[in-house]
Protein backbone atom coordinates (compact mmCIF):
# COMPACT_ATOMS: atom_id res chain seq x y z
CA MET A 1 -17.55 -21.15 1.00
CA ILE A 2 -14.83 -19.87 -1.29
CA ARG A 3 -12.31 -22.51 -2.28
CA TRP A 4 -9.31 -20.20 -1.98
CA ASP A 5 -6.98 -23.10 -2.69
CA TYR A 6 -8.49 -23.35 -6.20
CA VAL A 7 -8.38 -19.59 -6.73
CA LEU A 8 -4.75 -19.38 -5.61
CA ALA A 9 -3.81 -22.43 -7.70
CA GLY A 10 -5.34 -20.78 -10.77
CA VAL A 11 -3.44 -17.56 -10.14
CA ALA A 12 -0.21 -19.50 -9.61
CA ILE A 13 -0.68 -21.36 -12.91
CA LEU A 14 -1.36 -18.11 -14.73
CA LEU A 15 1.73 -16.45 -13.26
CA ALA A 16 3.88 -19.49 -14.11
CA ALA A 17 2.66 -19.33 -17.71
CA LEU A 18 3.62 -15.67 -17.88
CA VAL A 19 7.12 -16.45 -16.64
CA VAL A 20 7.47 -19.10 -19.35
CA GLN A 21 6.20 -16.62 -21.91
CA ARG A 22 8.84 -14.06 -20.95
CA ASN A 23 11.65 -16.64 -20.82
CA LEU A 24 10.88 -18.10 -24.24
CA ASN A 25 10.05 -14.74 -25.82
CA ARG A 26 6.95 -16.26 -27.43
CA PRO A 27 3.35 -16.64 -26.26
CA ALA A 28 2.83 -19.37 -23.70
CA ILE A 29 -0.92 -18.68 -23.77
CA SER A 30 -2.22 -18.04 -27.25
CA VAL A 31 -5.59 -16.72 -26.08
CA ARG A 32 -5.53 -13.49 -24.12
CA ALA A 33 -8.79 -14.25 -22.33
CA GLN A 34 -8.88 -16.09 -19.01
CA THR A 35 -11.46 -17.16 -16.45
CA THR A 36 -11.80 -18.23 -12.86
CA TYR A 37 -14.93 -19.37 -11.13
CA TYR A 38 -16.59 -19.89 -7.78
CA VAL A 39 -19.38 -22.32 -6.99
CA SER A 40 -21.37 -21.56 -3.89
CA ASP A 41 -21.79 -24.78 -1.93
CA MET A 42 -23.68 -23.11 0.89
CA PRO A 43 -25.36 -19.74 1.49
CA THR A 44 -23.00 -16.97 2.56
CA GLN A 45 -23.23 -13.20 2.87
CA ARG A 46 -20.46 -12.30 0.44
CA ALA A 47 -18.05 -14.03 -1.91
CA ARG A 48 -15.10 -12.15 -3.37
CA LEU A 49 -12.82 -13.21 -6.22
CA ARG A 50 -9.64 -11.21 -6.83
CA VAL A 51 -7.07 -11.63 -9.60
CA GLU A 52 -3.77 -9.75 -9.62
CA PHE A 53 -1.69 -9.34 -12.77
CA PRO A 54 2.07 -9.08 -13.24
CA PRO A 55 3.41 -5.52 -13.59
CA ASN A 56 3.87 -5.69 -17.38
CA ASP A 57 0.50 -7.28 -18.17
CA GLN A 58 -2.72 -5.35 -17.71
CA CYS A 59 -6.39 -6.28 -17.66
CA THR A 60 -8.23 -4.48 -20.47
CA SER A 61 -11.79 -5.65 -19.80
CA ALA A 62 -13.72 -8.01 -17.54
CA TYR A 63 -17.23 -9.24 -16.80
CA LEU A 64 -19.05 -11.63 -14.48
CA GLN A 65 -21.50 -14.43 -15.30
CA ARG A 66 -23.87 -16.25 -12.97
CA ARG A 67 -25.15 -19.71 -13.88
CA GLU A 68 -27.98 -21.47 -12.07
CA ASN A 69 -30.05 -24.40 -13.37
CA GLY A 70 -28.67 -23.87 -16.89
CA VAL A 71 -29.62 -20.18 -17.00
CA VAL A 72 -26.70 -17.77 -17.56
CA GLU A 73 -26.79 -14.08 -16.67
CA THR A 74 -23.99 -11.67 -17.60
CA PHE A 75 -23.12 -8.63 -15.49
CA GLU A 76 -20.92 -6.06 -17.20
CA ASP A 77 -20.73 -3.98 -14.02
CA GLY A 78 -20.07 -6.94 -11.72
CA VAL A 79 -16.29 -6.60 -11.79
CA GLU A 80 -14.23 -3.77 -10.34
CA ARG A 81 -10.89 -3.10 -12.06
CA ASP A 82 -7.84 -1.13 -11.06
CA PRO A 83 -7.50 1.93 -13.37
CA GLN A 84 -4.00 0.75 -14.32
CA GLY A 85 -5.27 -2.80 -15.01
CA ARG A 86 -3.16 -4.39 -12.24
CA TRP A 87 -6.03 -6.27 -10.55
CA LEU A 88 -9.71 -7.08 -10.81
CA GLU A 89 -12.21 -8.05 -8.16
CA ALA A 90 -15.73 -9.47 -8.28
CA ALA A 91 -17.88 -9.29 -5.14
CA VAL A 92 -21.10 -11.29 -4.98
CA LYS A 93 -23.68 -10.54 -2.31
CA ASN A 94 -25.71 -13.41 -0.85
CA PRO A 95 -24.85 -16.18 -3.33
CA LYS A 96 -27.18 -19.15 -3.05
CA GLY A 97 -25.98 -22.73 -2.85
CA GLY A 98 -25.33 -24.24 -6.27
CA GLN A 99 -24.86 -20.97 -8.14
CA GLU A 100 -21.72 -20.74 -10.28
CA TYR A 101 -20.00 -17.41 -10.80
CA THR A 102 -17.39 -17.04 -13.55
CA VAL A 103 -15.13 -14.02 -13.97
CA PHE A 104 -13.86 -13.47 -17.53
CA TRP A 105 -11.04 -11.07 -18.30
CA HIS A 106 -9.04 -9.98 -21.32
CA TRP A 107 -5.47 -8.74 -21.32
């Protein structure tokens, strides 16, 4: 099951950091790479992670990683991005319990 409260909390923290960045006119986040993740605690048909960016900040690249039993697989085509870089979305079909999916993005 997707823990939407964690996903939304992560997005809220990111947006708050961007507001601070604009207000102080200096970087609030020195690294322009971010992540969010989902851990499947039970089998489901589809899990979807979506990140939306503020109008003046755009996603330039993104990828998805799956981790299970210490083995990491990277999927370059696992993330769909808006052509203008306003949002990204990762959809995972049939995740198994215990698998961890991490979405990485640069902006």
